Amino acid sequence: MNFSVLTYNLLYNRATKQLKKVLAACKPDLIFFQEMITGEEDLKLIENTGYKLADFSNSFIRRSGQIFGVATFYNPKVFKAIRSRSFDLPAGILEALIFILRKGEVPRTVLETEFVFKDSRKKLFAYNIHLSAAAMNTVRQKQIVNTFHELKLNKKNPTIIAGDFNYPYKRRDFQELINQHNLKEATKNLSFTSHFFKIRPFKLKLDYILYKNLLSLETRRIDIKLSDHYPILSTFSLKQKSNNHSTKAV
């Protein structure tokens, strides 16, 4: 059986209003959003397209008082959500200072959801992740290690870890962490996943889809500039015969 996964940083919810077009074009079975307003109105907007909310986890508060977080949705024809939980990530010095100045900003979290495939009854563990932007790579490395230690990576269940890792440099260190936990990267052949500045675009690879106990078939970067990140769509199979996969931008 094949299924698809979409991860997308919404740029403080700015891309939300056009998501109906994105979802209709991509038809993902699992959706991982970052920087989404987690209020009922915005969550309902996605559910009105036919998807169900698995859960959300708040990550940070802006000066306006709006609360942003990660939210995971799913195709109810393909999956059944069993349970969800979230866990906090360690913060850097700058985030700790912001926490004090704003008198209790919500900490960064990772959202874990356990799914069951409706046809095969096999389990899938999905992790929606958004690492700190206002931090050094050493902080993000601690967050990654913290996340990987929390995961059930020693199990044989299929696993997806997707989101905005905010890891712009020292890619080799990140790859070593991936290898240590026997994970693979579906986004390996994508050279960039985000763009900044309209006049002279500055491109970075910040978004990743990692997996285990699955076969990666294809990964696409969707060329839609509603956010400073592109939507990334990966297709997987429960069969594990090879590690070959194709990656392209459309």
C-alpha atoms as a PDB file:
ATOM      1  CA  MET A   1       0.000   0.000   0.000  1.00  0.00           C
ATOM      2  CA  ASN A   2       1.193   3.514  -0.861  1.00  0.00           C
ATOM      3  CA  PHE A   3       0.500   6.710   1.080  1.00  0.00           C
ATOM      4  CA  SER A   4       1.719  10.299   0.928  1.00  0.00           C
ATOM      5  CA  VAL A   5       2.978  12.813   3.476  1.00  0.00           C
ATOM      6  CA  LEU A   6       2.984  16.603   3.183  1.00  0.00           C
ATOM      7  CA  THR A   7       5.007  18.903   5.451  1.00  0.00           C
ATOM      8  CA  TYR A   8       4.604  22.672   5.258  1.00  0.00           C
ATOM      9  CA  ASN A   9       5.650  25.642   7.390  1.00  0.00           C
ATOM     10  CA  LEU A  10       2.793  28.138   6.981  1.00  0.00           C
ATOM     11  CA  LEU A  11       4.801  31.301   7.820  1.00  0.00           C
ATOM     12  CA  TYR A  12       2.791  32.389  10.850  1.00  0.00           C
ATOM     13  CA  ASN A  13      -0.422  31.081   9.281  1.00  0.00           C
ATOM     14  CA  ARG A  14      -0.112  33.317   6.184  1.00  0.00           C
ATOM     15  CA  ALA A  15      -0.447  30.384   3.766  1.00  0.00           C
ATOM     16  CA  THR A  16      -3.580  28.993   5.416  1.00  0.00           C
ATOM     17  CA  LYS A  17      -6.143  30.725   3.209  1.00  0.00           C
ATOM     18  CA  GLN A  18      -4.761  29.098   0.044  1.00  0.00           C
ATOM     19  CA  LEU A  19      -4.279  25.635   1.526  1.00  0.00           C
ATOM     20  CA  LYS A  20      -7.435  24.289  -0.102  1.00  0.00           C
ATOM     21  CA  LYS A  21      -5.737  24.568  -3.505  1.00  0.00           C
ATOM     22  CA  VAL A  22      -2.532  22.957  -2.247  1.00  0.00           C
ATOM     23  CA  LEU A  23      -4.350  20.011  -0.644  1.00  0.00           C
ATOM     24  CA  ALA A  24      -6.570  19.487  -3.690  1.00  0.00           C
ATOM     25  CA  ALA A  25      -3.505  19.345  -5.944  1.00  0.00           C
ATOM     26  CA  CYS A  26      -1.361  17.122  -3.710  1.00  0.00           C
ATOM     27  CA  LYS A  27      -4.007  14.922  -2.029  1.00  0.00           C
ATOM     28  CA  PRO A  28      -1.721  13.905   0.877  1.00  0.00           C
ATOM     29  CA  ASP A  29      -2.797  11.230   3.347  1.00  0.00           C
ATOM     30  CA  LEU A  30      -0.870  12.762   6.253  1.00  0.00           C
ATOM     31  CA  ILE A  31      -0.289  16.484   6.771  1.00  0.00           C
ATOM     32  CA  PHE A  32       2.290  18.091   9.060  1.00  0.00           C
ATOM     33  CA  PHE A  33       1.863  21.847   9.510  1.00  0.00           C
ATOM     34  CA  GLN A  34       4.213  24.160  11.401  1.00  0.00           C
ATOM     35  CA  GLU A  35       3.615  27.797  12.438  1.00  0.00           C
ATOM     36  CA  MET A  36      -0.130  27.312  12.327  1.00  0.00           C
ATOM     37  CA  ILE A  37      -2.548  29.208  14.533  1.00  0.00           C
ATOM     38  CA  THR A  38      -4.063  26.481  16.669  1.00  0.00           C
ATOM     39  CA  GLY A  39      -7.402  28.172  17.228  1.00  0.00           C
ATOM     40  CA  GLU A  40     -10.630  26.339  16.424  1.00  0.00           C
ATOM     41  CA  GLU A  41     -11.394  28.443  13.337  1.00  0.00           C
ATOM     42  CA  ASP A  42      -8.103  27.669  11.593  1.00  0.00           C
ATOM     43  CA  LEU A  43      -8.139  23.987  12.507  1.00  0.00           C
ATOM     44  CA  LYS A  44     -11.710  23.729  11.232  1.00  0.00           C
ATOM     45  CA  LEU A  45     -10.640  25.292   7.939  1.00  0.00           C
ATOM     46  CA  ILE A  46      -8.498  22.228   7.210  1.00  0.00           C
ATOM     47  CA  GLU A  47     -11.098  19.761   8.463  1.00  0.00           C
ATOM     48  CA  ASN A  48     -13.615  21.299   6.051  1.00  0.00           C
ATOM     49  CA  THR A  49     -11.461  20.017   3.170  1.00  0.00           C
ATOM     50  CA  GLY A  50     -12.118  16.413   4.248  1.00  0.00           C
ATOM     51  CA  TYR A  51      -9.187  15.826   6.587  1.00  0.00           C
ATOM     52  CA  LYS A  52      -9.393  15.063  10.295  1.00  0.00           C
ATOM     53  CA  LEU A  53      -7.298  16.658  13.009  1.00  0.00           C
ATOM     54  CA  ALA A  54      -5.126  14.118  14.786  1.00  0.00           C
ATOM     55  CA  ASP A  55      -3.887  16.680  17.301  1.00  0.00           C
ATOM     56  CA  PHE A  56      -1.988  19.929  17.703  1.00  0.00           C
ATOM     57  CA  SER A  57       0.705  21.168  20.054  1.00  0.00           C
ATOM     58  CA  ASN A  58       1.414  24.820  20.848  1.00  0.00           C
ATOM     59  CA  SER A  59       4.971  26.016  20.270  1.00  0.00           C
ATOM     60  CA  PHE A  60       5.243  29.775  20.686  1.00  0.00           C
ATOM     61  CA  ILE A  61       3.327  33.019  21.198  1.00  0.00           C
ATOM     62  CA  ARG A  62       3.832  36.203  19.179  1.00  0.00           C
ATOM     63  CA  ARG A  63       3.510  39.735  20.528  1.00  0.00           C
ATOM     64  CA  SER A  64      -0.047  39.895  19.196  1.00  0.00           C
ATOM     65  CA  GLY A  65      -0.946  37.145  21.629  1.00  0.00           C
ATOM     66  CA  GLN A  66      -1.602  34.646  18.857  1.00  0.00           C
ATOM     67  CA  ILE A  67      -0.553  31.103  19.653  1.00  0.00           C
ATOM     68  CA  PHE A  68       1.220  29.086  16.965  1.00  0.00           C
ATOM     69  CA  GLY A  69       2.104  25.439  16.920  1.00  0.00           C
ATOM     70  CA  VAL A  70       2.333  22.224  14.956  1.00  0.00           C
ATOM     71  CA  ALA A  71      -0.801  20.427  13.778  1.00  0.00           C
ATOM     72  CA  THR A  72      -1.173  16.975  12.230  1.00  0.00           C
ATOM     73  CA  PHE A  73      -4.094  16.024   9.989  1.00  0.00           C
ATOM     74  CA  TYR A  74      -4.942  12.765   8.225  1.00  0.00           C
ATOM     75  CA  ASN A  75      -7.129  11.188   5.571  1.00  0.00           C
ATOM     76  CA  PRO A  76      -9.798   9.261   7.521  1.00  0.00           C
ATOM     77  CA  LYS A  77     -10.247   6.839   4.592  1.00  0.00           C
ATOM     78  CA  VAL A  78      -6.639   5.675   4.970  1.00  0.00           C
ATOM     79  CA  PHE A  79      -5.795   6.084   8.660  1.00  0.00           C
ATOM     80  CA  LYS A  80      -7.312   5.962  12.089  1.00  0.00           C
ATOM     81  CA  ALA A  81      -5.668   8.070  14.789  1.00  0.00           C
ATOM     82  CA  ILE A  82      -5.149   6.058  17.983  1.00  0.00           C
ATOM     83  CA  ARG A  83      -3.444   8.480  20.338  1.00  0.00           C
ATOM     84  CA  SER A  84      -1.250  11.582  20.480  1.00  0.00           C
ATOM     85  CA  ARG A  85       1.165  13.148  22.904  1.00  0.00           C
ATOM     86  CA  SER A  86       3.647  16.006  22.853  1.00  0.00           C
ATOM     87  CA  PHE A  87       6.932  16.554  24.645  1.00  0.00           C
ATOM     88  CA  ASP A  88       8.996  19.676  25.254  1.00  0.00           C
ATOM     89  CA  LEU A  89      12.335  20.433  23.655  1.00  0.00           C
ATOM     90  CA  PRO A  90      15.327  22.104  25.338  1.00  0.00           C
ATOM     91  CA  ALA A  91      15.633  25.845  24.682  1.00  0.00           C
ATOM     92  CA  GLY A  92      18.620  28.023  23.846  1.00  0.00           C
ATOM     93  CA  ILE A  93      19.729  31.189  25.655  1.00  0.00           C
ATOM     94  CA  LEU A  94      17.780  33.507  23.344  1.00  0.00           C
ATOM     95  CA  GLU A  95      14.581  31.484  23.728  1.00  0.00           C
ATOM     96  CA  ALA A  96      15.055  31.415  27.489  1.00  0.00           C
ATOM     97  CA  LEU A  97      15.382  35.227  27.454  1.00  0.00           C
ATOM     98  CA  ILE A  98      12.205  35.542  25.363  1.00  0.00           C
ATOM     99  CA  PHE A  99      10.474  33.233  27.848  1.00  0.00           C
ATOM    100  CA  ILE A 100      11.351  35.637  30.682  1.00  0.00           C
ATOM    101  CA  LEU A 101      10.441  38.820  28.758  1.00  0.00           C
ATOM    102  CA  ARG A 102       7.100  37.447  27.633  1.00  0.00           C
ATOM    103  CA  LYS A 103       6.404  35.939  31.043  1.00  0.00           C
ATOM    104  CA  GLY A 104       5.974  32.345  30.049  1.00  0.00           C
ATOM    105  CA  GLU A 105       6.108  31.646  26.329  1.00  0.00           C
ATOM    106  CA  VAL A 106       5.055  28.122  25.396  1.00  0.00           C
ATOM    107  CA  PRO A 107       8.126  25.857  24.888  1.00  0.00           C
ATOM    108  CA  ARG A 108       8.935  24.161  21.581  1.00  0.00           C
ATOM    109  CA  THR A 109       7.324  20.758  21.346  1.00  0.00           C
ATOM    110  CA  VAL A 110       7.232  17.653  19.175  1.00  0.00           C
ATOM    111  CA  LEU A 111       3.864  16.087  18.412  1.00  0.00           C
ATOM    112  CA  GLU A 112       3.698  12.295  18.260  1.00  0.00           C
ATOM    113  CA  THR A 113       0.665  10.531  16.775  1.00  0.00           C
ATOM    114  CA  GLU A 114       0.071   6.807  16.551  1.00  0.00           C
ATOM    115  CA  PHE A 115      -1.942   5.801  13.494  1.00  0.00           C
ATOM    116  CA  VAL A 116      -3.353   2.533  12.204  1.00  0.00           C
ATOM    117  CA  PHE A 117      -3.764   1.779   8.506  1.00  0.00           C
ATOM    118  CA  LYS A 118      -7.425   0.946   8.051  1.00  0.00           C
ATOM    119  CA  ASP A 119      -6.879  -1.794   5.475  1.00  0.00           C
ATOM    120  CA  SER A 120      -3.885  -3.638   6.954  1.00  0.00           C
ATOM    121  CA  ARG A 121      -4.241  -2.670  10.656  1.00  0.00           C
ATOM    122  CA  LYS A 122      -0.507  -1.945  10.743  1.00  0.00           C
ATOM    123  CA  LYS A 123       0.730   0.867  12.971  1.00  0.00           C
ATOM    124  CA  LEU A 124       2.495   4.031  11.880  1.00  0.00           C
ATOM    125  CA  PHE A 125       4.183   6.470  14.258  1.00  0.00           C
ATOM    126  CA  ALA A 126       4.251  10.060  12.981  1.00  0.00           C
ATOM    127  CA  TYR A 127       6.234  12.947  14.491  1.00  0.00           C
ATOM    128  CA  ASN A 128       5.581  16.580  13.610  1.00  0.00           C
ATOM    129  CA  ILE A 129       8.635  18.654  14.471  1.00  0.00           C
ATOM    130  CA  HIS A 130       9.588  22.351  14.427  1.00  0.00           C
ATOM    131  CA  LEU A 131      13.008  23.113  15.854  1.00  0.00           C
ATOM    132  CA  SER A 132      14.157  26.502  17.109  1.00  0.00           C
ATOM    133  CA  ALA A 133      14.952  29.207  14.565  1.00  0.00           C
ATOM    134  CA  ALA A 134      16.435  31.665  17.088  1.00  0.00           C
ATOM    135  CA  ALA A 135      19.227  29.345  18.196  1.00  0.00           C
ATOM    136  CA  MET A 136      22.603  27.892  17.256  1.00  0.00           C
ATOM    137  CA  ASN A 137      22.966  24.457  15.702  1.00  0.00           C
ATOM    138  CA  THR A 138      24.194  23.119  19.047  1.00  0.00           C
ATOM    139  CA  VAL A 139      20.737  23.818  20.491  1.00  0.00           C
ATOM    140  CA  ARG A 140      19.023  22.161  17.527  1.00  0.00           C
ATOM    141  CA  GLN A 141      21.315  19.151  17.891  1.00  0.00           C
ATOM    142  CA  LYS A 142      20.187  18.810  21.512  1.00  0.00           C
ATOM    143  CA  GLN A 143      16.579  19.084  20.370  1.00  0.00           C
ATOM    144  CA  ILE A 144      17.111  16.400  17.722  1.00  0.00           C
ATOM    145  CA  VAL A 145      18.812  14.059  20.196  1.00  0.00           C
ATOM    146  CA  ASN A 146      16.022  14.716  22.707  1.00  0.00           C
ATOM    147  CA  THR A 147      13.437  13.910  20.041  1.00  0.00           C
ATOM    148  CA  PHE A 148      15.131  10.760  18.781  1.00  0.00           C
ATOM    149  CA  HIS A 149      15.484   9.447  22.327  1.00  0.00           C
ATOM    150  CA  GLU A 150      11.752   9.910  22.894  1.00  0.00           C
ATOM    151  CA  LEU A 151      10.793   8.032  19.742  1.00  0.00           C
ATOM    152  CA  LYS A 152      10.075   4.348  19.472  1.00  0.00           C
ATOM    153  CA  LEU A 153      12.899   3.935  16.974  1.00  0.00           C
ATOM    154  CA  ASN A 154      13.867   0.550  18.414  1.00  0.00           C
ATOM    155  CA  LYS A 155      10.518  -0.822  17.303  1.00  0.00           C
ATOM    156  CA  LYS A 156       9.809  -2.311  13.873  1.00  0.00           C
ATOM    157  CA  ASN A 157       6.822  -0.059  13.278  1.00  0.00           C
ATOM    158  CA  PRO A 158       6.891   2.273  10.258  1.00  0.00           C
ATOM    159  CA  THR A 159       7.940   5.754  11.373  1.00  0.00           C
ATOM    160  CA  ILE A 160       7.783   9.224   9.820  1.00  0.00           C
ATOM    161  CA  ILE A 161       9.511  12.332  11.232  1.00  0.00           C
ATOM    162  CA  ALA A 162       8.694  15.465   9.251  1.00  0.00           C
ATOM    163  CA  GLY A 163       8.803  19.205   9.654  1.00  0.00           C
ATOM    164  CA  ASP A 164      10.951  22.319   9.824  1.00  0.00           C
ATOM    165  CA  PHE A 165      14.309  21.395  11.349  1.00  0.00           C
ATOM    166  CA  ASN A 166      15.805  24.892  10.867  1.00  0.00           C
ATOM    167  CA  TYR A 167      19.187  23.241  10.280  1.00  0.00           C
ATOM    168  CA  PRO A 168      20.922  25.530   7.728  1.00  0.00           C
ATOM    169  CA  TYR A 169      24.578  24.484   8.032  1.00  0.00           C
ATOM    170  CA  LYS A 170      26.899  21.663   9.180  1.00  0.00           C
ATOM    171  CA  ARG A 171      24.764  19.150   7.367  1.00  0.00           C
ATOM    172  CA  ARG A 172      27.286  16.371   8.111  1.00  0.00           C
ATOM    173  CA  ASP A 173      26.575  16.573  11.858  1.00  0.00           C
ATOM    174  CA  PHE A 174      22.864  16.255  11.184  1.00  0.00           C
ATOM    175  CA  GLN A 175      23.455  13.271   8.887  1.00  0.00           C
ATOM    176  CA  GLU A 176      25.442  11.520  11.619  1.00  0.00           C
ATOM    177  CA  LEU A 177      22.490  11.869  13.994  1.00  0.00           C
ATOM    178  CA  ILE A 178      20.188  10.424  11.345  1.00  0.00           C
ATOM    179  CA  ASN A 179      22.535   7.481  10.737  1.00  0.00           C
ATOM    180  CA  GLN A 180      22.990   6.768  14.445  1.00  0.00           C
ATOM    181  CA  HIS A 181      19.266   6.104  14.755  1.00  0.00           C
ATOM    182  CA  ASN A 182      19.011   4.049  11.548  1.00  0.00           C
ATOM    183  CA  LEU A 183      16.766   6.608   9.896  1.00  0.00           C
ATOM    184  CA  LYS A 184      16.655   7.444   6.195  1.00  0.00           C
ATOM    185  CA  GLU A 185      15.933  10.751   4.503  1.00  0.00           C
ATOM    186  CA  ALA A 186      13.208  10.969   1.852  1.00  0.00           C
ATOM    187  CA  THR A 187      14.214  14.573   1.066  1.00  0.00           C
ATOM    188  CA  LYS A 188      17.847  13.693   0.430  1.00  0.00           C
ATOM    189  CA  ASN A 189      17.973  14.920  -3.162  1.00  0.00           C
ATOM    190  CA  LEU A 190      16.240  18.242  -2.547  1.00  0.00           C
ATOM    191  CA  SER A 191      18.816  21.033  -2.618  1.00  0.00           C
ATOM    192  CA  PHE A 192      16.531  23.611  -0.984  1.00  0.00           C
ATOM    193  CA  THR A 193      13.098  23.777   0.663  1.00  0.00           C
ATOM    194  CA  SER A 194      12.796  27.446   1.614  1.00  0.00           C
ATOM    195  CA  HIS A 195      13.298  30.865   0.046  1.00  0.00           C
ATOM    196  CA  PHE A 196      13.872  34.314   1.529  1.00  0.00           C
ATOM    197  CA  PHE A 197      13.809  37.817   0.054  1.00  0.00           C
ATOM    198  CA  LYS A 198      11.852  38.590  -3.125  1.00  0.00           C
ATOM    199  CA  ILE A 199      14.476  40.594  -5.023  1.00  0.00           C
ATOM    200  CA  ARG A 200      17.440  38.245  -4.624  1.00  0.00           C
ATOM    201  CA  PRO A 201      16.085  34.918  -3.355  1.00  0.00           C
ATOM    202  CA  PHE A 202      18.171  33.184  -0.703  1.00  0.00           C
ATOM    203  CA  LYS A 203      17.502  29.454  -0.641  1.00  0.00           C
ATOM    204  CA  LEU A 204      18.080  27.029   2.224  1.00  0.00           C
ATOM    205  CA  LYS A 205      17.255  23.433   3.026  1.00  0.00           C
ATOM    206  CA  LEU A 206      15.381  23.542   6.331  1.00  0.00           C
ATOM    207  CA  ASP A 207      12.559  21.035   5.891  1.00  0.00           C
ATOM    208  CA  TYR A 208      13.102  17.284   6.078  1.00  0.00           C
ATOM    209  CA  ILE A 209      11.117  14.068   5.933  1.00  0.00           C
ATOM    210  CA  LEU A 210      12.834  11.174   7.701  1.00  0.00           C
ATOM    211  CA  TYR A 211      11.543   7.625   7.827  1.00  0.00           C
ATOM    212  CA  LYS A 212      12.138   4.088   9.011  1.00  0.00           C
ATOM    213  CA  ASN A 213      10.708   0.666   8.075  1.00  0.00           C
ATOM    214  CA  LEU A 214       9.173   2.054   4.887  1.00  0.00           C
ATOM    215  CA  LEU A 215      10.065   2.289   1.209  1.00  0.00           C
ATOM    216  CA  SER A 216      10.457   5.835  -0.116  1.00  0.00           C
ATOM    217  CA  LEU A 217       9.040   6.138  -3.635  1.00  0.00           C
ATOM    218  CA  GLU A 218       9.105   9.820  -4.556  1.00  0.00           C
ATOM    219  CA  THR A 219       9.590  13.269  -3.049  1.00  0.00           C
ATOM    220  CA  ARG A 220       8.495  16.529  -4.653  1.00  0.00           C
ATOM    221  CA  ARG A 221       9.013  20.165  -3.780  1.00  0.00           C
ATOM    222  CA  ILE A 222       5.790  21.955  -4.693  1.00  0.00           C
ATOM    223  CA  ASP A 223       6.604  25.284  -6.334  1.00  0.00           C
ATOM    224  CA  ILE A 224       4.052  27.429  -4.493  1.00  0.00           C
ATOM    225  CA  LYS A 225       5.259  30.600  -2.776  1.00  0.00           C
ATOM    226  CA  LEU A 226       2.566  31.210  -0.190  1.00  0.00           C
ATOM    227  CA  SER A 227       5.140  30.945   2.594  1.00  0.00           C
ATOM    228  CA  ASP A 228       8.910  31.276   2.931  1.00  0.00           C
ATOM    229  CA  HIS A 229       8.903  27.469   2.848  1.00  0.00           C
ATOM    230  CA  TYR A 230       7.742  25.203   0.052  1.00  0.00           C
ATOM    231  CA  PRO A 231       5.279  22.361   0.646  1.00  0.00           C
ATOM    232  CA  ILE A 232       7.189  19.058   0.505  1.00  0.00           C
ATOM    233  CA  LEU A 233       5.326  15.908  -0.561  1.00  0.00           C
ATOM    234  CA  SER A 234       6.705  12.373  -0.152  1.00  0.00           C
ATOM    235  CA  THR A 235       5.146   9.081  -1.184  1.00  0.00           C
ATOM    236  CA  PHE A 236       5.893   5.860   0.684  1.00  0.00           C
ATOM    237  CA  SER A 237       5.072   2.181   0.522  1.00  0.00           C
ATOM    238  CA  LEU A 238       4.751  -0.286   3.370  1.00  0.00           C
ATOM    239  CA  LYS A 239       6.861  -2.683   1.312  1.00  0.00           C
ATOM    240  CA  GLN A 240      10.621  -2.498   1.912  1.00  0.00           C
ATOM    241  CA  LYS A 241      12.361  -4.011  -1.091  1.00  0.00           C
ATOM    242  CA  SER A 242      14.804  -1.227  -1.933  1.00  0.00           C
ATOM    243  CA  ASN A 243      15.834   2.265  -0.924  1.00  0.00           C
ATOM    244  CA  ASN A 244      15.559   3.860  -4.346  1.00  0.00           C
ATOM    245  CA  HIS A 245      13.399   6.927  -4.646  1.00  0.00           C
ATOM    246  CA  SER A 246      13.108   9.899  -6.956  1.00  0.00           C
ATOM    247  CA  THR A 247      12.986  13.543  -6.011  1.00  0.00           C
ATOM    248  CA  LYS A 248      11.843  16.397  -8.185  1.00  0.00           C
ATOM    249  CA  ALA A 249      10.417  19.884  -8.048  1.00  0.00           C
ATOM    250  CA  VAL A 250       7.166  20.740  -9.793  1.00  0.00           C
END
